[in-house]
């Protein structure tokens, strides 16, 4: 079985900002099986899911700031399930005190 390889979209964030769909298409054409999201560039979960389905890309994970989860955990979970994601990556936290 071939290992599944995904690209962290933060590494091509400028291309994603310019044209999110075209960036995803290029990822697929470059041989990747999936992506780790680092933003959705104003796209709805339905739009993102349709791009993924059309391009036959899988979701490896989504890279999200802790503050986004704190602000709207339920909405984030609904969005992530809507795109077929099962993994959230929180790269760091900005606590000001030990109690936080």
C-alpha atoms as a PDB file:
ATOM      1  CA  UNK A   1       0.000   0.000   0.000  1.00  0.00           C
ATOM      2  CA  UNK A   2       1.343   3.426  -0.986  1.00  0.00           C
ATOM      3  CA  UNK A   3       1.848   5.824   1.931  1.00  0.00           C
ATOM      4  CA  UNK A   4      -0.495   8.798   1.877  1.00  0.00           C
ATOM      5  CA  UNK A   5       1.379  12.122   1.693  1.00  0.00           C
ATOM      6  CA  UNK A   6      -0.246  15.460   2.544  1.00  0.00           C
ATOM      7  CA  UNK A   7       0.973  19.031   2.150  1.00  0.00           C
ATOM      8  CA  UNK A   8       0.657  21.599   4.945  1.00  0.00           C
ATOM      9  CA  UNK A   9      -1.047  24.477   3.133  1.00  0.00           C
ATOM     10  CA  UNK A  10       0.711  27.083   5.278  1.00  0.00           C
ATOM     11  CA  UNK A  11       3.720  26.447   3.042  1.00  0.00           C
ATOM     12  CA  UNK A  12       1.764  27.797   0.038  1.00  0.00           C
ATOM     13  CA  UNK A  13      -0.407  30.343   1.844  1.00  0.00           C
ATOM     14  CA  UNK A  14       0.193  33.089  -0.733  1.00  0.00           C
ATOM     15  CA  UNK A  15      -1.033  30.841  -3.541  1.00  0.00           C
ATOM     16  CA  UNK A  16      -4.033  29.866  -1.402  1.00  0.00           C
ATOM     17  CA  UNK A  17      -4.889  33.543  -0.810  1.00  0.00           C
ATOM     18  CA  UNK A  18      -4.622  34.301  -4.504  1.00  0.00           C
ATOM     19  CA  UNK A  19      -6.776  31.397  -5.729  1.00  0.00           C
ATOM     20  CA  UNK A  20      -7.633  28.708  -3.195  1.00  0.00           C
ATOM     21  CA  UNK A  21      -9.085  26.242  -5.704  1.00  0.00           C
ATOM     22  CA  UNK A  22      -6.143  26.596  -8.120  1.00  0.00           C
ATOM     23  CA  UNK A  23      -3.704  26.070  -5.245  1.00  0.00           C
ATOM     24  CA  UNK A  24      -5.467  22.857  -4.209  1.00  0.00           C
ATOM     25  CA  UNK A  25      -5.509  21.690  -7.814  1.00  0.00           C
ATOM     26  CA  UNK A  26      -1.757  22.275  -8.074  1.00  0.00           C
ATOM     27  CA  UNK A  27      -1.225  20.311  -4.859  1.00  0.00           C
ATOM     28  CA  UNK A  28      -3.053  17.345  -6.389  1.00  0.00           C
ATOM     29  CA  UNK A  29      -1.220  17.689  -9.707  1.00  0.00           C
ATOM     30  CA  UNK A  30       2.067  17.664  -7.764  1.00  0.00           C
ATOM     31  CA  UNK A  31       1.242  14.171  -6.512  1.00  0.00           C
ATOM     32  CA  UNK A  32      -0.043  14.804  -3.003  1.00  0.00           C
ATOM     33  CA  UNK A  33      -2.867  12.694  -1.605  1.00  0.00           C
ATOM     34  CA  UNK A  34      -4.130  15.222   0.904  1.00  0.00           C
ATOM     35  CA  UNK A  35      -3.717  18.518   2.692  1.00  0.00           C
ATOM     36  CA  UNK A  36      -3.413  19.972   6.165  1.00  0.00           C
ATOM     37  CA  UNK A  37      -5.402  23.166   6.181  1.00  0.00           C
ATOM     38  CA  UNK A  38      -4.068  26.457   7.519  1.00  0.00           C
ATOM     39  CA  UNK A  39      -7.099  28.607   6.768  1.00  0.00           C
ATOM     40  CA  UNK A  40     -10.040  28.459   4.378  1.00  0.00           C
ATOM     41  CA  UNK A  41      -9.781  31.863   2.694  1.00  0.00           C
ATOM     42  CA  UNK A  42     -13.433  32.782   3.148  1.00  0.00           C
ATOM     43  CA  UNK A  43     -14.766  29.512   1.740  1.00  0.00           C
ATOM     44  CA  UNK A  44     -17.655  27.656   3.352  1.00  0.00           C
ATOM     45  CA  UNK A  45     -17.344  24.046   4.466  1.00  0.00           C
ATOM     46  CA  UNK A  46     -19.504  23.012   1.501  1.00  0.00           C
ATOM     47  CA  UNK A  47     -17.186  24.813  -0.953  1.00  0.00           C
ATOM     48  CA  UNK A  48     -14.064  23.296   0.588  1.00  0.00           C
ATOM     49  CA  UNK A  49     -15.621  19.821   0.602  1.00  0.00           C
ATOM     50  CA  UNK A  50     -16.627  20.156  -3.061  1.00  0.00           C
ATOM     51  CA  UNK A  51     -13.048  21.145  -3.989  1.00  0.00           C
ATOM     52  CA  UNK A  52     -11.657  18.166  -2.085  1.00  0.00           C
ATOM     53  CA  UNK A  53     -14.127  15.754  -3.673  1.00  0.00           C
ATOM     54  CA  UNK A  54     -13.548  17.095  -7.184  1.00  0.00           C
ATOM     55  CA  UNK A  55      -9.775  16.883  -6.821  1.00  0.00           C
ATOM     56  CA  UNK A  56      -9.819  13.618  -4.865  1.00  0.00           C
ATOM     57  CA  UNK A  57      -7.816  15.108  -1.990  1.00  0.00           C
ATOM     58  CA  UNK A  58      -8.073  13.869   1.600  1.00  0.00           C
ATOM     59  CA  UNK A  59      -7.913  15.962   4.756  1.00  0.00           C
ATOM     60  CA  UNK A  60      -4.919  15.093   6.917  1.00  0.00           C
ATOM     61  CA  UNK A  61      -5.784  17.719   9.557  1.00  0.00           C
ATOM     62  CA  UNK A  62      -6.500  21.383  10.123  1.00  0.00           C
ATOM     63  CA  UNK A  63      -3.953  23.685  11.754  1.00  0.00           C
ATOM     64  CA  UNK A  64      -5.907  26.032  14.050  1.00  0.00           C
ATOM     65  CA  UNK A  65      -5.021  28.572  16.699  1.00  0.00           C
ATOM     66  CA  UNK A  66      -6.194  27.760  20.217  1.00  0.00           C
ATOM     67  CA  UNK A  67      -8.062  31.070  20.266  1.00  0.00           C
ATOM     68  CA  UNK A  68     -10.286  29.920  17.379  1.00  0.00           C
ATOM     69  CA  UNK A  69     -11.344  26.889  19.393  1.00  0.00           C
ATOM     70  CA  UNK A  70     -11.897  29.012  22.452  1.00  0.00           C
ATOM     71  CA  UNK A  71     -14.030  31.475  20.478  1.00  0.00           C
ATOM     72  CA  UNK A  72     -16.309  28.941  18.729  1.00  0.00           C
ATOM     73  CA  UNK A  73     -15.542  25.311  19.485  1.00  0.00           C
ATOM     74  CA  UNK A  74     -18.941  24.028  18.327  1.00  0.00           C
ATOM     75  CA  UNK A  75     -18.850  25.973  15.058  1.00  0.00           C
ATOM     76  CA  UNK A  76     -15.288  24.829  14.419  1.00  0.00           C
ATOM     77  CA  UNK A  77     -16.234  21.190  14.965  1.00  0.00           C
ATOM     78  CA  UNK A  78     -19.250  21.503  12.650  1.00  0.00           C
ATOM     79  CA  UNK A  79     -17.061  23.092   9.934  1.00  0.00           C
ATOM     80  CA  UNK A  80     -14.326  20.488  10.297  1.00  0.00           C
ATOM     81  CA  UNK A  81     -16.776  17.590  10.157  1.00  0.00           C
ATOM     82  CA  UNK A  82     -18.320  19.234   7.094  1.00  0.00           C
ATOM     83  CA  UNK A  83     -15.029  19.030   5.206  1.00  0.00           C
ATOM     84  CA  UNK A  84     -14.363  15.478   6.370  1.00  0.00           C
ATOM     85  CA  UNK A  85     -11.676  16.316   8.916  1.00  0.00           C
ATOM     86  CA  UNK A  86     -11.077  14.237  12.045  1.00  0.00           C
ATOM     87  CA  UNK A  87      -7.901  15.920  13.341  1.00  0.00           C
ATOM     88  CA  UNK A  88      -7.150  19.379  14.710  1.00  0.00           C
ATOM     89  CA  UNK A  89      -3.594  20.571  15.228  1.00  0.00           C
ATOM     90  CA  UNK A  90      -3.069  23.366  17.751  1.00  0.00           C
ATOM     91  CA  UNK A  91       0.543  24.486  17.307  1.00  0.00           C
ATOM     92  CA  UNK A  92       0.749  26.707  20.355  1.00  0.00           C
ATOM     93  CA  UNK A  93      -1.085  28.651  22.995  1.00  0.00           C
ATOM     94  CA  UNK A  94      -0.679  32.271  24.087  1.00  0.00           C
ATOM     95  CA  UNK A  95      -1.380  32.068  27.804  1.00  0.00           C
ATOM     96  CA  UNK A  96      -0.283  35.108  29.775  1.00  0.00           C
ATOM     97  CA  UNK A  97      -0.327  33.414  33.194  1.00  0.00           C
ATOM     98  CA  UNK A  98       0.165  29.922  34.580  1.00  0.00           C
ATOM     99  CA  UNK A  99      -3.500  29.848  35.688  1.00  0.00           C
ATOM    100  CA  UNK A 100      -4.727  30.421  32.143  1.00  0.00           C
END
